[in-house]
C-alpha cells in the first residue's frame, strides 16, 4: 500500500495484522507494530487489540499481555481477545 503512495488508516492495519497472525509471522507483525507506534495509531483501542491478538496467535502471549496492560480504554472486544488468547493451544502448527 505505502509503496504505491497510499496511506493506511486505522482500519487497514488490523487486516494486515490478521494476515500476520494467520501465517504466524511474528517478524512482520512486530514491524507493523513499530510502524503503528511511529505513526501514533497504537493508541487506538481497535488497533491495539489487533496487535495484541497478532502477538498471541504468533505465540508471544507475554507481549500480548504487556500490550493489554498498557492499553487505555479497553472495551469488551479487547477484553475478549485477551481472554481468548489464553485458550490458544500450543504448539499451534508443526514447524512454527
PDB file of N, CA and C in Angstrom:
ATOM      1  N   UNK A   1       0.820  -1.182   0.000  1.00  0.00           N
ATOM      2  CA  UNK A   1       0.000   0.000   0.000  1.00  0.00           C
ATOM      3  C   UNK A   1       0.866   1.249   0.000  1.00  0.00           C
ATOM      4  N   UNK A   2       1.769   1.303   0.966  1.00  0.00           N
ATOM      5  CA  UNK A   2       2.591   2.502   1.111  1.00  0.00           C
ATOM      6  C   UNK A   2       3.554   2.662  -0.065  1.00  0.00           C
ATOM      7  N   UNK A   3       3.980   1.562  -0.653  1.00  0.00           N
ATOM      8  CA  UNK A   3       4.860   1.641  -1.820  1.00  0.00           C
ATOM      9  C   UNK A   3       4.147   2.260  -3.011  1.00  0.00           C
ATOM     10  N   UNK A   4       2.822   2.189  -3.021  1.00  0.00           N
ATOM     11  CA  UNK A   4       2.030   2.772  -4.095  1.00  0.00           C
ATOM     12  C   UNK A   4       1.516   4.164  -3.745  1.00  0.00           C
ATOM     13  N   UNK A   5       2.023   4.728  -2.655  1.00  0.00           N
ATOM     14  CA  UNK A   5       1.659   6.083  -2.277  1.00  0.00           C
ATOM     15  C   UNK A   5       0.373   6.204  -1.480  1.00  0.00           C
ATOM     16  N   UNK A   6      -0.200   5.074  -1.058  1.00  0.00           N
ATOM     17  CA  UNK A   6      -1.427   5.100  -0.276  1.00  0.00           C
ATOM     18  C   UNK A   6      -1.086   5.045   1.206  1.00  0.00           C
ATOM     19  N   UNK A   7      -1.731   5.889   1.988  1.00  0.00           N
ATOM     20  CA  UNK A   7      -1.509   5.890   3.430  1.00  0.00           C
ATOM     21  C   UNK A   7      -2.592   5.063   4.105  1.00  0.00           C
ATOM     22  N   UNK A   8      -2.185   4.014   4.807  1.00  0.00           N
ATOM     23  CA  UNK A   8      -3.177   3.202   5.514  1.00  0.00           C
ATOM     24  C   UNK A   8      -3.756   3.967   6.700  1.00  0.00           C
ATOM     25  N   UNK A   9      -5.026   3.686   6.993  1.00  0.00           N
ATOM     26  CA  UNK A   9      -5.661   4.287   8.159  1.00  0.00           C
ATOM     27  C   UNK A   9      -5.788   3.230   9.247  1.00  0.00           C
ATOM     28  N   UNK A  10      -6.425   3.610  10.345  1.00  0.00           N
ATOM     29  CA  UNK A  10      -6.516   2.682  11.482  1.00  0.00           C
ATOM     30  C   UNK A  10      -7.342   1.443  11.174  1.00  0.00           C
ATOM     31  N   UNK A  11      -8.090   1.459  10.076  1.00  0.00           N
ATOM     32  CA  UNK A  11      -8.895   0.293   9.717  1.00  0.00           C
ATOM     33  C   UNK A  11      -8.139  -0.685   8.835  1.00  0.00           C
ATOM     34  N   UNK A  12      -7.071  -0.233   8.198  1.00  0.00           N
ATOM     35  CA  UNK A  12      -6.289  -1.111   7.324  1.00  0.00           C
ATOM     36  C   UNK A  12      -5.333  -1.993   8.119  1.00  0.00           C
ATOM     37  N   UNK A  13      -4.776  -1.452   9.198  1.00  0.00           N
ATOM     38  CA  UNK A  13      -3.773  -2.194   9.960  1.00  0.00           C
ATOM     39  C   UNK A  13      -4.287  -3.491  10.573  1.00  0.00           C
ATOM     40  N   UNK A  14      -5.494  -3.524  11.133  1.00  0.00           N
ATOM     41  CA  UNK A  14      -5.957  -4.805  11.680  1.00  0.00           C
ATOM     42  C   UNK A  14      -6.000  -5.934  10.655  1.00  0.00           C
ATOM     43  N   UNK A  15      -6.289  -5.617   9.388  1.00  0.00           N
ATOM     44  CA  UNK A  15      -6.297  -6.655   8.358  1.00  0.00           C
ATOM     45  C   UNK A  15      -4.888  -7.175   8.082  1.00  0.00           C
ATOM     46  N   UNK A  16      -3.917  -6.282   8.058  1.00  0.00           N
ATOM     47  CA  UNK A  16      -2.524  -6.705   7.865  1.00  0.00           C
ATOM     48  C   UNK A  16      -2.062  -7.561   9.042  1.00  0.00           C
ATOM     49  N   UNK A  17      -2.439  -7.151  10.250  1.00  0.00           N
ATOM     50  CA  UNK A  17      -2.059  -7.909  11.443  1.00  0.00           C
ATOM     51  C   UNK A  17      -2.738  -9.271  11.482  1.00  0.00           C
ATOM     52  N   UNK A  18      -3.972  -9.344  11.007  1.00  0.00           N
ATOM     53  CA  UNK A  18      -4.674 -10.627  10.940  1.00  0.00           C
ATOM     54  C   UNK A  18      -3.947 -11.581   9.989  1.00  0.00           C
ATOM     55  N   UNK A  19      -3.426 -11.040   8.895  1.00  0.00           N
ATOM     56  CA  UNK A  19      -2.654 -11.868   7.964  1.00  0.00           C
ATOM     57  C   UNK A  19      -1.386 -12.389   8.624  1.00  0.00           C
ATOM     58  N   UNK A  20      -0.715 -11.528   9.373  1.00  0.00           N
ATOM     59  CA  UNK A  20       0.496 -11.959  10.093  1.00  0.00           C
ATOM     60  C   UNK A  20       0.171 -13.071  11.080  1.00  0.00           C
ATOM     61  N   UNK A  21      -0.946 -12.905  11.783  1.00  0.00           N
ATOM     62  CA  UNK A  21      -1.355 -13.917  12.761  1.00  0.00           C
ATOM     63  C   UNK A  21      -1.670 -15.240  12.073  1.00  0.00           C
ATOM     64  N   UNK A  22      -2.369 -15.170  10.945  1.00  0.00           N
ATOM     65  CA  UNK A  22      -2.730 -16.381  10.214  1.00  0.00           C
ATOM     66  C   UNK A  22      -1.515 -17.138   9.697  1.00  0.00           C
ATOM     67  N   UNK A  23      -0.460 -16.398   9.386  1.00  0.00           N
ATOM     68  CA  UNK A  23       0.772 -17.008   8.886  1.00  0.00           C
ATOM     69  C   UNK A  23       1.798 -17.242   9.996  1.00  0.00           C
ATOM     70  N   UNK A  24       1.447 -16.868  11.219  1.00  0.00           N
ATOM     71  CA  UNK A  24       2.373 -16.930  12.364  1.00  0.00           C
ATOM     72  C   UNK A  24       3.674 -16.206  12.053  1.00  0.00           C
ATOM     73  N   UNK A  25       3.554 -15.039  11.418  1.00  0.00           N
ATOM     74  CA  UNK A  25       4.720 -14.266  11.018  1.00  0.00           C
ATOM     75  C   UNK A  25       4.953 -13.138  12.032  1.00  0.00           C
ATOM     76  N   UNK A  26       5.616 -13.482  13.111  1.00  0.00           N
ATOM     77  CA  UNK A  26       5.861 -12.536  14.188  1.00  0.00           C
ATOM     78  C   UNK A  26       6.780 -11.398  13.756  1.00  0.00           C
ATOM     79  N   UNK A  27       7.744 -11.681  12.917  1.00  0.00           N
ATOM     80  CA  UNK A  27       8.699 -10.661  12.486  1.00  0.00           C
ATOM     81  C   UNK A  27       7.993  -9.515  11.750  1.00  0.00           C
ATOM     82  N   UNK A  28       7.139  -9.836  10.801  1.00  0.00           N
ATOM     83  CA  UNK A  28       6.403  -8.802  10.069  1.00  0.00           C
ATOM     84  C   UNK A  28       5.410  -8.112  10.999  1.00  0.00           C
ATOM     85  N   UNK A  29       4.773  -8.870  11.870  1.00  0.00           N
ATOM     86  CA  UNK A  29       3.843  -8.289  12.834  1.00  0.00           C
ATOM     87  C   UNK A  29       4.515  -7.272  13.738  1.00  0.00           C
ATOM     88  N   UNK A  30       5.719  -7.585  14.202  1.00  0.00           N
ATOM     89  CA  UNK A  30       6.471  -6.639  15.033  1.00  0.00           C
ATOM     90  C   UNK A  30       6.832  -5.386  14.234  1.00  0.00           C
ATOM     91  N   UNK A  31       7.153  -5.571  12.974  1.00  0.00           N
ATOM     92  CA  UNK A  31       7.477  -4.439  12.108  1.00  0.00           C
ATOM     93  C   UNK A  31       6.269  -3.512  11.946  1.00  0.00           C
ATOM     94  N   UNK A  32       5.109  -4.096  11.755  1.00  0.00           N
ATOM     95  CA  UNK A  32       3.877  -3.312  11.643  1.00  0.00           C
ATOM     96  C   UNK A  32       3.603  -2.594  12.964  1.00  0.00           C
ATOM     97  N   UNK A  33       3.792  -3.285  14.078  1.00  0.00           N
ATOM     98  CA  UNK A  33       3.578  -2.668  15.383  1.00  0.00           C
ATOM     99  C   UNK A  33       4.509  -1.464  15.563  1.00  0.00           C
ATOM    100  N   UNK A  34       5.757  -1.611  15.163  1.00  0.00           N
ATOM    101  CA  UNK A  34       6.708  -0.496  15.262  1.00  0.00           C
ATOM    102  C   UNK A  34       6.233   0.694  14.428  1.00  0.00           C
ATOM    103  N   UNK A  35       5.735   0.417  13.242  1.00  0.00           N
ATOM    104  CA  UNK A  35       5.200   1.491  12.385  1.00  0.00           C
ATOM    105  C   UNK A  35       3.995   2.164  13.050  1.00  0.00           C
ATOM    106  N   UNK A  36       3.161   1.375  13.687  1.00  0.00           N
ATOM    107  CA  UNK A  36       2.000   1.930  14.385  1.00  0.00           C
ATOM    108  C   UNK A  36       2.421   2.862  15.511  1.00  0.00           C
ATOM    109  N   UNK A  37       3.463   2.495  16.218  1.00  0.00           N
ATOM    110  CA  UNK A  37       3.978   3.342  17.298  1.00  0.00           C
ATOM    111  C   UNK A  37       4.501   4.659  16.712  1.00  0.00           C
ATOM    112  N   UNK A  38       5.230   4.558  15.615  1.00  0.00           N
ATOM    113  CA  UNK A  38       5.809   5.749  14.995  1.00  0.00           C
ATOM    114  C   UNK A  38       4.743   6.692  14.445  1.00  0.00           C
ATOM    115  N   UNK A  39       3.628   6.154  13.990  1.00  0.00           N
ATOM    116  CA  UNK A  39       2.581   6.979  13.398  1.00  0.00           C
ATOM    117  C   UNK A  39       1.511   7.393  14.401  1.00  0.00           C
ATOM    118  N   UNK A  40       1.564   6.842  15.608  1.00  0.00           N
ATOM    119  CA  UNK A  40       0.596   7.209  16.635  1.00  0.00           C
ATOM    120  C   UNK A  40      -0.706   6.429  16.605  1.00  0.00           C
ATOM    121  N   UNK A  41      -0.819   5.466  15.695  1.00  0.00           N
ATOM    122  CA  UNK A  41      -2.039   4.664  15.623  1.00  0.00           C
ATOM    123  C   UNK A  41      -2.135   3.654  16.770  1.00  0.00           C
ATOM    124  N   UNK A  42      -1.034   3.425  17.463  1.00  0.00           N
ATOM    125  CA  UNK A  42      -1.020   2.403  18.518  1.00  0.00           C
ATOM    126  C   UNK A  42      -1.908   2.755  19.702  1.00  0.00           C
ATOM    127  N   UNK A  43      -2.300   4.016  19.836  1.00  0.00           N
ATOM    128  CA  UNK A  43      -3.141   4.408  20.972  1.00  0.00           C
ATOM    129  C   UNK A  43      -4.623   4.104  20.746  1.00  0.00           C
ATOM    130  N   UNK A  44      -4.989   3.740  19.527  1.00  0.00           N
ATOM    131  CA  UNK A  44      -6.370   3.384  19.227  1.00  0.00           C
ATOM    132  C   UNK A  44      -6.658   1.977  19.739  1.00  0.00           C
ATOM    133  N   UNK A  45      -7.741   1.814  20.495  1.00  0.00           N
ATOM    134  CA  UNK A  45      -8.034   0.514  21.118  1.00  0.00           C
ATOM    135  C   UNK A  45      -8.292  -0.573  20.064  1.00  0.00           C
ATOM    136  N   UNK A  46      -8.883  -0.234  18.929  1.00  0.00           N
ATOM    137  CA  UNK A  46      -9.110  -1.201  17.852  1.00  0.00           C
ATOM    138  C   UNK A  46      -7.779  -1.729  17.325  1.00  0.00           C
ATOM    139  N   UNK A  47      -6.861  -0.841  17.075  1.00  0.00           N
ATOM    140  CA  UNK A  47      -5.546  -1.214  16.561  1.00  0.00           C
ATOM    141  C   UNK A  47      -4.753  -1.984  17.624  1.00  0.00           C
ATOM    142  N   UNK A  48      -4.786  -1.500  18.865  1.00  0.00           N
ATOM    143  CA  UNK A  48      -4.065  -2.178  19.945  1.00  0.00           C
ATOM    144  C   UNK A  48      -4.581  -3.607  20.138  1.00  0.00           C
ATOM    145  N   UNK A  49      -5.881  -3.793  20.008  1.00  0.00           N
ATOM    146  CA  UNK A  49      -6.461  -5.130  20.142  1.00  0.00           C
ATOM    147  C   UNK A  49      -5.978  -6.036  19.019  1.00  0.00           C
ATOM    148  N   UNK A  50      -5.886  -5.503  17.806  1.00  0.00           N
ATOM    149  CA  UNK A  50      -5.405  -6.298  16.673  1.00  0.00           C
ATOM    150  C   UNK A  50      -3.944  -6.694  16.864  1.00  0.00           C
ATOM    151  N   UNK A  51      -3.135  -5.778  17.384  1.00  0.00           N
ATOM    152  CA  UNK A  51      -1.726  -6.088  17.643  1.00  0.00           C
ATOM    153  C   UNK A  51      -1.622  -7.160  18.724  1.00  0.00           C
ATOM    154  N   UNK A  52      -2.398  -6.987  19.773  1.00  0.00           N
ATOM    155  CA  UNK A  52      -2.393  -7.940  20.877  1.00  0.00           C
ATOM    156  C   UNK A  52      -2.799  -9.338  20.386  1.00  0.00           C
ATOM    157  N   UNK A  53      -3.823  -9.398  19.569  1.00  0.00           N
ATOM    158  CA  UNK A  53      -4.291 -10.667  19.022  1.00  0.00           C
ATOM    159  C   UNK A  53      -3.220 -11.308  18.142  1.00  0.00           C
ATOM    160  N   UNK A  54      -2.546 -10.487  17.347  1.00  0.00           N
ATOM    161  CA  UNK A  54      -1.480 -10.999  16.488  1.00  0.00           C
ATOM    162  C   UNK A  54      -0.356 -11.597  17.336  1.00  0.00           C
ATOM    163  N   UNK A  55       0.067 -10.879  18.391  1.00  0.00           N
ATOM    164  CA  UNK A  55       1.121 -11.406  19.250  1.00  0.00           C
ATOM    165  C   UNK A  55       0.710 -12.749  19.851  1.00  0.00           C
ATOM    166  N   UNK A  56      -0.500 -12.831  20.345  1.00  0.00           N
ATOM    167  CA  UNK A  56      -0.961 -14.076  20.972  1.00  0.00           C
ATOM    168  C   UNK A  56      -0.991 -15.222  19.971  1.00  0.00           C
ATOM    169  N   UNK A  57      -1.505 -14.962  18.784  1.00  0.00           N
ATOM    170  CA  UNK A  57      -1.620 -16.023  17.781  1.00  0.00           C
ATOM    171  C   UNK A  57      -0.273 -16.417  17.195  1.00  0.00           C
ATOM    172  N   UNK A  58       0.718 -15.548  17.335  1.00  0.00           N
ATOM    173  CA  UNK A  58       2.076 -15.884  16.891  1.00  0.00           C
ATOM    174  C   UNK A  58       2.899 -16.529  18.003  1.00  0.00           C
ATOM    175  N   UNK A  59       2.280 -16.743  19.161  1.00  0.00           N
ATOM    176  CA  UNK A  59       2.955 -17.449  20.240  1.00  0.00           C
ATOM    177  C   UNK A  59       3.631 -16.571  21.267  1.00  0.00           C
ATOM    178  N   UNK A  60       3.431 -15.262  21.213  1.00  0.00           N
ATOM    179  CA  UNK A  60       4.045 -14.356  22.176  1.00  0.00           C
ATOM    180  C   UNK A  60       2.996 -13.817  23.135  1.00  0.00           C
ATOM    181  N   UNK A  61       2.492 -14.706  23.959  1.00  0.00           N
ATOM    182  CA  UNK A  61       1.440 -14.333  24.906  1.00  0.00           C
ATOM    183  C   UNK A  61       1.933 -13.280  25.890  1.00  0.00           C
ATOM    184  N   UNK A  62       3.218 -13.323  26.225  1.00  0.00           N
ATOM    185  CA  UNK A  62       3.766 -12.320  27.145  1.00  0.00           C
ATOM    186  C   UNK A  62       3.715 -10.912  26.536  1.00  0.00           C
ATOM    187  N   UNK A  63       4.015 -10.786  25.245  1.00  0.00           N
ATOM    188  CA  UNK A  63       3.915  -9.480  24.586  1.00  0.00           C
ATOM    189  C   UNK A  63       2.455  -9.033  24.462  1.00  0.00           C
ATOM    190  N   UNK A  64       1.568  -9.989  24.199  1.00  0.00           N
ATOM    191  CA  UNK A  64       0.143  -9.669  24.118  1.00  0.00           C
ATOM    192  C   UNK A  64      -0.350  -9.132  25.453  1.00  0.00           C
ATOM    193  N   UNK A  65       0.026  -9.789  26.541  1.00  0.00           N
ATOM    194  CA  UNK A  65      -0.407  -9.362  27.867  1.00  0.00           C
ATOM    195  C   UNK A  65       0.181  -8.005  28.241  1.00  0.00           C
ATOM    196  N   UNK A  66       1.444  -7.782  27.882  1.00  0.00           N
ATOM    197  CA  UNK A  66       2.082  -6.495  28.172  1.00  0.00           C
ATOM    198  C   UNK A  66       1.344  -5.369  27.445  1.00  0.00           C
ATOM    199  N   UNK A  67       1.013  -5.587  26.188  1.00  0.00           N
ATOM    200  CA  UNK A  67       0.275  -4.582  25.420  1.00  0.00           C
ATOM    201  C   UNK A  67      -1.121  -4.378  26.002  1.00  0.00           C
ATOM    202  N   UNK A  68      -1.777  -5.464  26.395  1.00  0.00           N
ATOM    203  CA  UNK A  68      -3.100  -5.366  27.005  1.00  0.00           C
ATOM    204  C   UNK A  68      -3.044  -4.501  28.262  1.00  0.00           C
ATOM    205  N   UNK A  69      -2.043  -4.737  29.098  1.00  0.00           N
ATOM    206  CA  UNK A  69      -1.909  -3.973  30.340  1.00  0.00           C
ATOM    207  C   UNK A  69      -1.678  -2.488  30.076  1.00  0.00           C
ATOM    208  N   UNK A  70      -1.029  -2.157  28.962  1.00  0.00           N
ATOM    209  CA  UNK A  70      -0.719  -0.770  28.631  1.00  0.00           C
ATOM    210  C   UNK A  70      -1.847  -0.051  27.887  1.00  0.00           C
ATOM    211  N   UNK A  71      -2.811  -0.802  27.372  1.00  0.00           N
ATOM    212  CA  UNK A  71      -3.875  -0.214  26.561  1.00  0.00           C
ATOM    213  C   UNK A  71      -4.870   0.546  27.422  1.00  0.00           C
ATOM    214  N   UNK A  72      -5.122   1.776  27.030  1.00  0.00           N
ATOM    215  CA  UNK A  72      -6.100   2.620  27.713  1.00  0.00           C
ATOM    216  C   UNK A  72      -7.468   2.455  27.048  1.00  0.00           C
ATOM    217  N   UNK A  73      -8.532   2.552  27.825  1.00  0.00           N
ATOM    218  CA  UNK A  73      -9.892   2.492  27.281  1.00  0.00           C
ATOM    219  C   UNK A  73     -10.290   1.139  26.734  1.00  0.00           C
ATOM    220  N   UNK A  74      -9.856   0.084  27.412  1.00  0.00           N
ATOM    221  CA  UNK A  74     -10.195  -1.262  26.948  1.00  0.00           C
ATOM    222  C   UNK A  74     -11.710  -1.420  26.835  1.00  0.00           C
ATOM    223  N   UNK A  75     -12.146  -2.036  25.739  1.00  0.00           N
ATOM    224  CA  UNK A  75     -13.560  -2.317  25.555  1.00  0.00           C
ATOM    225  C   UNK A  75     -13.788  -3.826  25.649  1.00  0.00           C
ATOM    226  N   UNK A  76     -15.021  -4.238  25.444  1.00  0.00           N
ATOM    227  CA  UNK A  76     -15.355  -5.660  25.572  1.00  0.00           C
ATOM    228  C   UNK A  76     -14.621  -6.501  24.523  1.00  0.00           C
ATOM    229  N   UNK A  77     -14.359  -5.942  23.358  1.00  0.00           N
ATOM    230  CA  UNK A  77     -13.628  -6.676  22.318  1.00  0.00           C
ATOM    231  C   UNK A  77     -12.183  -6.912  22.757  1.00  0.00           C
ATOM    232  N   UNK A  78     -11.572  -5.896  23.329  1.00  0.00           N
ATOM    233  CA  UNK A  78     -10.193  -6.022  23.810  1.00  0.00           C
ATOM    234  C   UNK A  78     -10.102  -7.073  24.915  1.00  0.00           C
ATOM    235  N   UNK A  79     -11.008  -6.994  25.878  1.00  0.00           N
ATOM    236  CA  UNK A  79     -11.026  -7.973  26.961  1.00  0.00           C
ATOM    237  C   UNK A  79     -11.260  -9.384  26.417  1.00  0.00           C
ATOM    238  N   UNK A  80     -12.192  -9.525  25.492  1.00  0.00           N
ATOM    239  CA  UNK A  80     -12.498 -10.845  24.916  1.00  0.00           C
ATOM    240  C   UNK A  80     -11.302 -11.417  24.170  1.00  0.00           C
ATOM    241  N   UNK A  81     -10.595 -10.559  23.438  1.00  0.00           N
ATOM    242  CA  UNK A  81      -9.413 -11.021  22.703  1.00  0.00           C
ATOM    243  C   UNK A  81      -8.334 -11.515  23.667  1.00  0.00           C
ATOM    244  N   UNK A  82      -8.151 -10.801  24.769  1.00  0.00           N
ATOM    245  CA  UNK A  82      -7.130 -11.224  25.737  1.00  0.00           C
ATOM    246  C   UNK A  82      -7.525 -12.532  26.404  1.00  0.00           C
ATOM    247  N   UNK A  83      -8.776 -12.660  26.767  1.00  0.00           N
ATOM    248  CA  UNK A  83      -9.251 -13.903  27.385  1.00  0.00           C
ATOM    249  C   UNK A  83      -9.099 -15.073  26.410  1.00  0.00           C
ATOM    250  N   UNK A  84      -9.469 -14.849  25.150  1.00  0.00           N
ATOM    251  CA  UNK A  84      -9.349 -15.903  24.135  1.00  0.00           C
ATOM    252  C   UNK A  84      -7.892 -16.298  23.913  1.00  0.00           C
ATOM    253  N   UNK A  85      -6.989 -15.346  24.085  1.00  0.00           N
ATOM    254  CA  UNK A  85      -5.563 -15.626  23.895  1.00  0.00           C
ATOM    255  C   UNK A  85      -5.064 -16.718  24.827  1.00  0.00           C
ATOM    256  N   UNK A  86      -5.628 -16.770  26.015  1.00  0.00           N
ATOM    257  CA  UNK A  86      -5.205 -17.790  26.971  1.00  0.00           C
ATOM    258  C   UNK A  86      -5.718 -19.183  26.606  1.00  0.00           C
ATOM    259  N   UNK A  87      -6.642 -19.251  25.667  1.00  0.00           N
ATOM    260  CA  UNK A  87      -7.183 -20.542  25.248  1.00  0.00           C
ATOM    261  C   UNK A  87      -6.569 -21.099  23.986  1.00  0.00           C
ATOM    262  N   UNK A  88      -5.567 -20.408  23.430  1.00  0.00           N
ATOM    263  CA  UNK A  88      -4.931 -20.875  22.197  1.00  0.00           C
ATOM    264  C   UNK A  88      -4.031 -22.066  22.530  1.00  0.00           C
ATOM    265  N   UNK A  89      -4.271 -23.216  21.903  1.00  0.00           N
ATOM    266  CA  UNK A  89      -3.432 -24.387  22.182  1.00  0.00           C
ATOM    267  C   UNK A  89      -2.049 -24.254  21.542  1.00  0.00           C
ATOM    268  N   UNK A  90      -1.026 -24.755  22.233  1.00  0.00           N
ATOM    269  CA  UNK A  90       0.348 -24.714  21.713  1.00  0.00           C
ATOM    270  C   UNK A  90       0.923 -26.107  21.697  1.00  0.00           C
ATOM    271  N   UNK A  91       1.722 -26.466  20.738  1.00  0.00           N
ATOM    272  CA  UNK A  91       2.126 -25.661  19.601  1.00  0.00           C
ATOM    273  C   UNK A  91       0.979 -25.560  18.600  1.00  0.00           C
ATOM    274  N   UNK A  92       0.863 -24.397  18.000  1.00  0.00           N
ATOM    275  CA  UNK A  92      -0.220 -24.122  17.060  1.00  0.00           C
ATOM    276  C   UNK A  92      -0.074 -24.914  15.782  1.00  0.00           C
ATOM    277  N   UNK A  93       1.062 -24.811  15.150  1.00  0.00           N
ATOM    278  CA  UNK A  93       1.341 -25.524  13.906  1.00  0.00           C
ATOM    279  C   UNK A  93       2.690 -26.198  14.031  1.00  0.00           C
ATOM    280  N   UNK A  94       2.804 -27.350  13.438  1.00  0.00           N
ATOM    281  CA  UNK A  94       4.091 -28.018  13.426  1.00  0.00           C
ATOM    282  C   UNK A  94       5.050 -27.182  12.582  1.00  0.00           C
ATOM    283  N   UNK A  95       6.227 -26.981  13.067  1.00  0.00           N
ATOM    284  CA  UNK A  95       7.228 -26.217  12.329  1.00  0.00           C
ATOM    285  C   UNK A  95       7.261 -24.749  12.657  1.00  0.00           C
ATOM    286  N   UNK A  96       6.417 -24.273  13.561  1.00  0.00           N
ATOM    287  CA  UNK A  96       6.436 -22.852  13.941  1.00  0.00           C
ATOM    288  C   UNK A  96       7.673 -22.526  14.743  1.00  0.00           C
TER     289      UNK A  96
END
